[in-house]
Amino acid sequence: MKSVLSLGLIGLTTIISVSKAQTDNPNCTIFDWDGQPGYLQNDTVQRISAAATCEPARNETHECPIVAHGDAAVQYKYNISSTLRSSYWHTPHGSENYIHSLILSSVNSSLDGMPWPDYAIGAIDTTETLEPGTSGYIQFTPYLRCFAGILSNCTGGIEDGIGIEACAPVIQTLWDSVGVLQGDFSIEKVAEDEVSQYRDPYSGQSSGDASSSVPRQTGRAILVAALTLITASILQ
């Protein structure tokens, strides 16, 4: 679900300016959003479990459960990070990322109350299955919501008019104000003699610190319902 950013003939509809005094490295202080709704994109795949082997059984077909449990983290990103440096400043609401805040201020009206965070932690608690005679681990592909536009009023050798695509973790509030870090679970197969190389990435982790989390189970109905809500809200 990857999207290609088109920089040609972007309609400039919103201009948000942030004072240079708010950060040591502003680089650019105006984000001209193209006005298009946010679109979904896959983030980098994360391994979220140890690897295991499902031994073949005689005269029967079976599958073996494999469990992932821990807190996964996803951070927003943009496509010109090597040129445009992020920086933080302290506000009454805490430490804020300059570029993230600049873009969020512009696109906030299109989010319809949905979050667009610069950083999110979500509890992973899922059970998947391995096929008989195979080895593998569970991986998680987080979803990002992206916006595109042009930066201007730039300093530090950056030219005005540079195109930017910025993406943030997708969180859907389902019930009781609990946020779910959205993404897709899948099995990545490995050779049986390599299983010991893939240990639990959450081993020793202190759980319960996730600020936007909910247990994830094998029942996919919740995930499908959530993604349906997300898609509908973006296409509106």
Protein backbone atom coordinates (compact mmCIF):
# COMPACT_ATOMS: atom_id res chain seq x y z
CA MET A 1 0.00 0.00 0.00
CA LYS A 2 2.86 2.29 -0.78
CA SER A 3 2.19 5.65 -2.42
CA VAL A 4 4.41 7.72 -4.68
CA LEU A 5 4.60 11.40 -3.91
CA SER A 6 3.85 13.60 -6.91
CA LEU A 7 5.37 17.04 -6.69
CA GLY A 8 3.88 18.42 -9.90
CA LEU A 9 1.18 21.09 -9.79
CA ILE A 10 0.33 20.74 -6.12
CA GLY A 11 -2.60 22.95 -5.20
CA LEU A 12 -1.65 25.10 -2.28
CA THR A 13 -4.62 25.46 0.04
CA THR A 14 -3.34 25.92 3.59
CA ILE A 15 -0.42 27.95 4.86
CA ILE A 16 0.73 27.57 8.43
CA SER A 17 3.67 29.59 9.71
CA VAL A 18 5.64 28.85 12.85
CA SER A 19 8.00 31.39 14.41
CA LYS A 20 11.72 30.65 13.97
CA ALA A 21 12.19 31.50 17.62
CA GLN A 22 10.39 28.30 18.63
CA THR A 23 13.26 26.06 17.58
CA ASP A 24 17.01 26.17 17.10
CA ASN A 25 16.85 24.54 13.66
CA PRO A 26 13.65 25.64 11.89
CA ASN A 27 14.98 25.03 8.35
CA CYS A 28 11.53 25.84 6.90
CA THR A 29 8.69 27.63 8.68
CA ILE A 30 5.78 27.26 6.25
CA PHE A 31 4.07 24.02 5.15
CA ASP A 32 1.73 24.36 2.15
CA TRP A 33 -0.50 21.29 2.34
CA ASP A 34 -1.80 20.00 -1.01
CA GLY A 35 -5.27 19.66 0.52
CA GLN A 36 -5.64 15.98 -0.28
CA PRO A 37 -6.97 13.56 2.38
CA GLY A 38 -4.45 11.44 4.24
CA TYR A 39 -3.56 8.14 2.60
CA LEU A 40 -2.32 4.89 4.12
CA GLN A 41 1.16 3.48 3.67
CA ASN A 42 3.07 0.55 5.18
CA ASP A 43 5.84 1.29 7.65
CA THR A 44 8.97 -0.83 8.19
CA VAL A 45 8.23 -4.43 9.17
CA GLN A 46 9.04 -5.32 12.79
CA ARG A 47 9.80 -8.79 14.13
CA ILE A 48 7.63 -9.20 17.23
CA SER A 49 8.22 -12.79 18.39
CA ALA A 50 10.88 -15.42 18.81
CA ALA A 51 11.12 -18.01 16.04
CA ALA A 52 9.72 -21.50 16.57
CA THR A 53 9.34 -24.78 14.70
CA CYS A 54 6.13 -26.70 14.09
CA GLU A 55 7.05 -30.37 13.93
CA PRO A 56 5.19 -32.48 11.35
CA ALA A 57 2.72 -35.00 12.81
CA ARG A 58 1.98 -38.45 11.47
CA ASN A 59 -1.41 -39.15 9.91
CA GLU A 60 -2.87 -35.78 10.83
CA THR A 61 -2.79 -32.14 9.74
CA HIS A 62 -2.20 -29.64 12.48
CA GLU A 63 -0.90 -26.15 13.08
CA CYS A 64 1.21 -24.86 15.95
CA PRO A 65 0.49 -21.64 17.89
CA ILE A 66 3.17 -18.98 18.12
CA VAL A 67 2.78 -16.02 20.48
CA ALA A 68 3.99 -12.39 20.44
CA HIS A 69 3.64 -10.25 23.55
CA GLY A 70 5.19 -6.85 24.24
CA ASP A 71 5.03 -3.12 23.44
CA ALA A 72 5.75 -2.01 19.86
CA ALA A 73 6.78 1.55 19.04
CA VAL A 74 6.18 3.48 15.81
CA GLN A 75 7.49 6.97 15.01
CA TYR A 76 6.39 9.44 12.37
CA LYS A 77 8.74 10.06 9.44
CA TYR A 78 9.17 12.22 6.38
CA ASN A 79 10.94 11.66 3.08
CA ILE A 80 13.60 14.39 3.23
CA SER A 81 14.96 13.70 6.70
CA SER A 82 18.56 13.71 5.45
CA THR A 83 18.16 17.36 4.43
CA LEU A 84 15.56 18.71 6.84
CA ARG A 85 16.65 18.11 10.43
CA SER A 86 14.12 17.51 13.18
CA SER A 87 14.43 19.45 16.38
CA TYR A 88 12.44 19.77 19.58
CA TRP A 89 11.40 22.59 21.85
CA HIS A 90 9.63 22.71 25.21
CA THR A 91 6.04 23.93 25.38
CA PRO A 92 3.42 23.99 28.15
CA HIS A 93 2.26 20.65 26.72
CA GLY A 94 5.72 19.07 26.87
CA SER A 95 8.47 18.53 24.30
CA GLU A 96 7.24 18.85 20.71
CA ASN A 97 8.82 17.91 17.40
CA TYR A 98 9.09 21.00 15.20
CA ILE A 99 8.39 19.51 11.76
CA HIS A 100 5.64 17.24 13.06
CA SER A 101 3.89 20.16 14.78
CA LEU A 102 4.24 22.35 11.69
CA ILE A 103 2.52 19.78 9.48
CA LEU A 104 -0.07 18.70 12.07
CA SER A 105 -1.23 22.29 12.49
CA SER A 106 -1.96 22.43 8.78
CA VAL A 107 -3.72 19.08 8.29
CA ASN A 108 -5.51 18.90 11.65
CA SER A 109 -8.87 19.96 10.24
CA SER A 110 -8.89 16.94 7.88
CA LEU A 111 -8.27 14.39 10.65
CA ASP A 112 -11.81 14.68 12.04
CA GLY A 113 -10.60 14.07 15.57
CA MET A 114 -8.29 11.18 14.72
CA PRO A 115 -4.75 11.34 16.17
CA TRP A 116 -1.64 11.95 14.05
CA PRO A 117 1.09 11.41 16.65
CA ASP A 118 4.82 11.88 16.30
CA TYR A 119 5.35 8.73 18.37
CA ALA A 120 3.08 5.89 19.46
CA ILE A 121 3.44 2.78 21.60
CA GLY A 122 1.00 -0.11 21.21
CA ALA A 123 0.66 -3.36 23.13
CA ILE A 124 1.23 -6.46 21.02
CA ASP A 125 -0.56 -9.57 22.29
CA THR A 126 -1.32 -11.93 19.42
CA THR A 127 -1.27 -15.63 18.63
CA GLU A 128 -0.61 -16.77 15.07
CA THR A 129 -0.09 -20.26 13.64
CA LEU A 130 2.78 -22.10 11.99
CA GLU A 131 2.14 -24.74 9.36
CA PRO A 132 3.32 -28.29 10.11
CA GLY A 133 6.94 -28.83 9.14
CA THR A 134 7.80 -25.12 9.01
CA SER A 135 9.72 -22.65 11.16
CA GLY A 136 9.20 -18.92 11.49
CA TYR A 137 8.35 -15.87 13.59
CA ILE A 138 5.59 -13.27 13.71
CA GLN A 139 6.17 -9.90 12.10
CA PHE A 140 4.12 -6.72 12.32
CA THR A 141 3.72 -4.10 9.59
CA PRO A 142 2.44 -0.81 11.12
CA TYR A 143 0.19 1.44 9.09
CA LEU A 144 1.04 5.12 8.57
CA ARG A 145 -1.27 7.96 7.55
CA CYS A 146 0.52 10.33 5.15
CA PHE A 147 0.12 13.88 3.88
CA ALA A 148 2.00 15.75 1.16
CA GLY A 149 2.84 19.38 0.51
CA ILE A 150 5.57 21.96 -0.09
CA LEU A 151 7.87 23.73 2.37
CA SER A 152 8.87 27.37 2.09
CA ASN A 153 10.46 30.25 4.03
CA CYS A 154 13.46 27.95 4.40
CA THR A 155 16.91 28.64 5.85
CA GLY A 156 20.16 26.74 6.26
CA GLY A 157 20.77 26.22 2.55
CA ILE A 158 17.40 24.59 1.86
CA GLU A 159 15.57 26.04 -1.13
CA ASP A 160 11.92 27.06 -0.95
CA GLY A 161 9.47 24.79 -2.76
CA ILE A 162 10.89 21.46 -1.63
CA GLY A 163 8.23 18.74 -1.64
CA ILE A 164 7.62 16.71 1.49
CA GLU A 165 5.63 13.60 2.36
CA ALA A 166 5.09 13.11 6.11
CA CYS A 167 3.61 9.98 7.70
CA ALA A 168 2.49 9.20 11.27
CA PRO A 169 1.35 6.04 13.07
CA VAL A 170 -2.30 5.09 12.63
CA ILE A 171 -4.20 4.72 15.91
CA GLN A 172 -7.91 3.94 16.04
CA THR A 173 -9.96 4.50 19.17
CA LEU A 174 -12.34 1.57 19.57
CA TRP A 175 -13.94 1.73 23.03
CA ASP A 176 -13.39 3.26 26.45
CA SER A 177 -10.99 5.74 24.81
CA VAL A 178 -8.48 2.93 24.21
CA GLY A 179 -6.28 3.45 21.16
CA VAL A 180 -5.14 0.59 18.94
CA LEU A 181 -1.88 0.76 16.99
CA GLN A 182 -2.98 -0.45 13.56
CA GLY A 183 -1.07 -2.81 11.29
CA ASP A 184 -0.89 -6.27 9.80
CA PHE A 185 0.45 -9.50 11.34
CA SER A 186 2.13 -12.18 9.24
CA ILE A 187 4.47 -15.16 9.53
CA GLU A 188 8.02 -14.90 8.19
CA LYS A 189 9.44 -18.37 7.57
CA VAL A 190 13.06 -19.24 8.39
CA ALA A 191 15.18 -22.36 8.18
CA GLU A 192 14.82 -24.72 11.15
CA ASP A 193 18.53 -24.53 11.94
CA GLU A 194 18.25 -20.72 12.20
CA VAL A 195 15.45 -20.65 14.80
CA SER A 196 17.81 -20.06 17.73
CA GLN A 197 19.06 -16.86 16.06
CA TYR A 198 15.68 -15.16 16.48
CA ARG A 199 15.00 -14.60 20.16
CA ASP A 200 12.05 -12.78 21.69
CA PRO A 201 12.62 -9.05 20.95
CA TYR A 202 10.53 -8.14 24.02
CA SER A 203 12.42 -10.36 26.46
CA GLY A 204 13.03 -8.43 29.69
CA GLN A 205 10.71 -5.62 28.65
CA SER A 206 8.56 -4.01 31.35
CA SER A 207 5.06 -4.11 29.94
CA GLY A 208 2.19 -1.84 30.84
CA ASP A 209 3.79 1.47 29.83
CA ALA A 210 1.96 1.66 26.51
CA SER A 211 0.02 4.90 26.35
CA SER A 212 -2.00 3.85 23.30
CA SER A 213 -2.54 0.14 23.45
CA VAL A 214 -4.94 -2.77 23.66
CA PRO A 215 -4.35 -6.54 23.72
CA ARG A 216 -4.24 -8.03 20.24
CA GLN A 217 -5.81 -11.47 19.85
CA THR A 218 -6.09 -13.98 17.03
CA GLY A 219 -9.69 -12.90 16.36
CA ARG A 220 -9.32 -10.64 13.30
CA ALA A 221 -12.87 -9.25 13.48
CA ILE A 222 -11.72 -6.34 15.67
CA LEU A 223 -8.84 -5.47 13.33
CA VAL A 224 -11.03 -5.69 10.21
CA ALA A 225 -13.70 -3.48 11.81
CA ALA A 226 -11.10 -0.92 12.85
CA LEU A 227 -9.50 -0.77 9.41
CA THR A 228 -12.92 -0.40 7.82
CA LEU A 229 -13.52 2.67 10.01
CA ILE A 230 -10.10 4.08 9.14
CA THR A 231 -10.60 3.63 5.38
CA ALA A 232 -14.07 5.17 5.52
CA SER A 233 -12.82 8.21 7.43
CA ILE A 234 -9.94 8.80 5.02
CA LEU A 235 -12.12 8.51 1.91
CA GLN A 236 -14.69 10.99 3.18
